[in-house]
Amino acid sequence: MEKSETIPSSGDRNLGPLILGLNWAIFSPSTILVCLRLITRIWITHNFGWDDATILLAQVSEDYPKSQKPN
């Protein structure tokens, strides 16, 4: 038996799971790439600059709101 989606009369749909999936699909590779860049800059070139600090700050601040519990 096929499950049919019932759309409310207001036309609103729950897009939460889709948005969460897209968020993880973008966040995961970006985190891996930032980590690889930082490893390269710190251990291979020994040159950690202000641009790397900015990238690290942006990556951490992008994750920060998701880690907070809702009230």
Protein backbone atom coordinates (compact mmCIF):
# COMPACT_ATOMS: atom_id res chain seq x y z
CA MET A 1 0.00 0.00 0.00
CA GLU A 2 1.38 3.37 -1.00
CA LYS A 3 1.55 6.13 1.59
CA SER A 4 0.05 9.34 0.27
CA GLU A 5 1.14 12.69 1.62
CA THR A 6 -1.68 14.80 2.94
CA ILE A 7 -1.11 18.49 2.31
CA PRO A 8 -2.71 20.80 4.87
CA SER A 9 -5.27 23.30 3.62
CA SER A 10 -2.79 26.11 4.28
CA GLY A 11 -0.42 24.53 1.75
CA ASP A 12 2.46 24.29 4.23
CA ARG A 13 4.64 21.18 4.17
CA ASN A 14 7.19 19.98 6.67
CA LEU A 15 10.48 20.59 4.89
CA GLY A 16 12.52 20.13 8.07
CA PRO A 17 13.98 16.71 7.16
CA LEU A 18 14.93 17.92 3.66
CA ILE A 19 16.61 21.05 5.00
CA LEU A 20 18.44 19.05 7.67
CA GLY A 21 19.68 16.58 5.06
CA LEU A 22 20.93 19.36 2.79
CA ASN A 23 22.59 21.04 5.73
CA TRP A 24 24.53 17.88 6.58
CA ALA A 25 25.36 17.30 2.90
CA ILE A 26 27.05 20.71 2.75
CA PHE A 27 28.46 20.89 6.28
CA SER A 28 30.22 17.51 6.28
CA PRO A 29 32.46 18.03 3.22
CA SER A 30 33.22 21.61 4.21
CA THR A 31 34.36 20.46 7.67
CA ILE A 32 36.59 17.79 6.15
CA LEU A 33 38.14 20.28 3.72
CA VAL A 34 38.73 22.89 6.43
CA CYS A 35 40.41 20.26 8.62
CA LEU A 36 42.62 19.13 5.74
CA ARG A 37 43.58 22.74 5.01
CA LEU A 38 44.46 23.41 8.64
CA ILE A 39 46.50 20.20 8.89
CA THR A 40 48.39 21.21 5.77
CA ARG A 41 48.99 24.76 6.96
CA ILE A 42 50.06 23.79 10.49
CA TRP A 43 52.10 20.59 10.05
CA ILE A 44 53.37 20.76 6.48
CA THR A 45 53.96 24.44 5.69
CA HIS A 46 54.24 25.66 9.32
CA ASN A 47 52.42 28.80 8.26
CA PHE A 48 49.13 29.40 10.10
CA GLY A 49 47.89 32.85 9.10
CA TRP A 50 45.02 35.19 9.78
CA ASP A 51 43.11 33.72 6.83
CA ASP A 52 43.24 30.27 8.44
CA ALA A 53 42.02 31.70 11.74
CA THR A 54 39.13 33.36 9.90
CA ILE A 55 38.19 30.11 8.15
CA LEU A 56 38.32 28.22 11.45
CA LEU A 57 36.18 30.87 13.16
CA ALA A 58 33.62 30.75 10.34
CA GLN A 59 33.43 26.96 10.46
CA VAL A 60 33.01 26.87 14.25
CA SER A 61 30.43 29.67 14.25
CA GLU A 62 28.48 27.92 11.48
CA ASP A 63 28.15 24.84 13.69
CA TYR A 64 27.50 26.71 16.96
CA PRO A 65 23.75 27.47 16.55
CA LYS A 66 22.99 23.82 15.68
CA SER A 67 24.61 22.61 18.87
CA GLN A 68 22.33 24.73 21.09
CA LYS A 69 19.25 23.11 22.58
CA PRO A 70 15.92 24.81 21.83
CA ASN A 71 14.13 26.43 24.76
